[in-house]
């Protein structure tokens, strides 16, 4: 994700398996100065739109992963 000036401010990596109806959030990161502005939430909503009604999971790579 880039801001209006073209600076990289965030990343979201996700995948969906249509056969098993499971989605996975594999990585999400937002630069410190852009956190707490709802950007991460918008990215998650974008991923979820690819698998409505699917079971979603995340990796346990960070203590904050839920």
Protein backbone atom coordinates (compact mmCIF):
# COMPACT_ATOMS: atom_id res chain seq x y z
CA UNK A 1 0.00 0.00 0.00
CA UNK A 2 1.29 3.41 -0.93
CA UNK A 3 0.31 6.87 0.27
CA UNK A 4 -0.60 9.69 -2.11
CA UNK A 5 3.07 10.59 -2.48
CA UNK A 6 3.97 7.05 -3.55
CA UNK A 7 5.66 6.10 -0.26
CA UNK A 8 5.27 2.49 0.84
CA UNK A 9 3.24 2.54 4.07
CA UNK A 10 1.89 -0.98 4.40
CA UNK A 11 1.76 -4.56 3.23
CA UNK A 12 -0.91 -7.24 3.23
CA UNK A 13 -0.34 -10.77 1.98
CA UNK A 14 -3.33 -13.10 1.86
CA UNK A 15 -4.60 -16.09 -0.02
CA UNK A 16 -7.86 -17.96 -0.37
CA UNK A 17 -8.60 -21.59 -1.17
CA UNK A 18 -11.92 -21.70 -2.98
CA UNK A 19 -12.05 -25.51 -2.84
CA UNK A 20 -11.80 -25.63 0.97
CA UNK A 21 -13.36 -22.19 1.59
CA UNK A 22 -10.51 -21.01 3.80
CA UNK A 23 -8.68 -17.71 3.69
CA UNK A 24 -5.35 -16.93 5.30
CA UNK A 25 -3.83 -13.61 6.29
CA UNK A 26 -0.11 -14.34 6.02
CA UNK A 27 1.36 -10.90 6.66
CA UNK A 28 0.14 -7.45 7.52
CA UNK A 29 2.33 -4.52 8.42
CA UNK A 30 1.78 -0.77 8.58
CA UNK A 31 4.57 1.74 9.10
CA UNK A 32 4.67 3.10 12.65
CA UNK A 33 3.72 6.63 11.65
CA UNK A 34 0.62 5.36 9.83
CA UNK A 35 -0.66 3.03 12.54
CA UNK A 36 -3.87 3.70 14.50
CA UNK A 37 -5.54 5.33 11.47
CA UNK A 38 -7.69 2.42 10.30
CA UNK A 39 -5.40 1.45 7.42
CA UNK A 40 -4.85 -2.09 8.69
CA UNK A 41 -8.59 -2.53 9.15
CA UNK A 42 -9.18 -1.42 5.55
CA UNK A 43 -6.59 -3.91 4.31
CA UNK A 44 -8.22 -6.74 6.28
CA UNK A 45 -11.65 -5.84 4.88
CA UNK A 46 -10.14 -5.95 1.39
CA UNK A 47 -8.81 -9.46 1.95
CA UNK A 48 -12.08 -10.68 3.49
CA UNK A 49 -13.95 -9.51 0.38
CA UNK A 50 -12.15 -12.27 -1.56
CA UNK A 51 -13.69 -14.99 0.61
CA UNK A 52 -17.12 -14.03 1.92
CA UNK A 53 -18.39 -16.70 4.27
CA UNK A 54 -15.00 -18.42 4.35
CA UNK A 55 -13.17 -19.46 7.50
CA UNK A 56 -10.24 -17.11 8.01
CA UNK A 57 -7.00 -17.76 9.82
CA UNK A 58 -3.66 -16.11 10.35
CA UNK A 59 -0.15 -17.32 11.03
CA UNK A 60 1.17 -17.14 14.57
CA UNK A 61 4.34 -15.34 13.59
CA UNK A 62 3.76 -12.45 15.96
CA UNK A 63 2.23 -12.28 19.44
CA UNK A 64 -0.39 -9.84 18.09
CA UNK A 65 -1.65 -12.27 15.43
CA UNK A 66 -5.29 -13.19 16.01
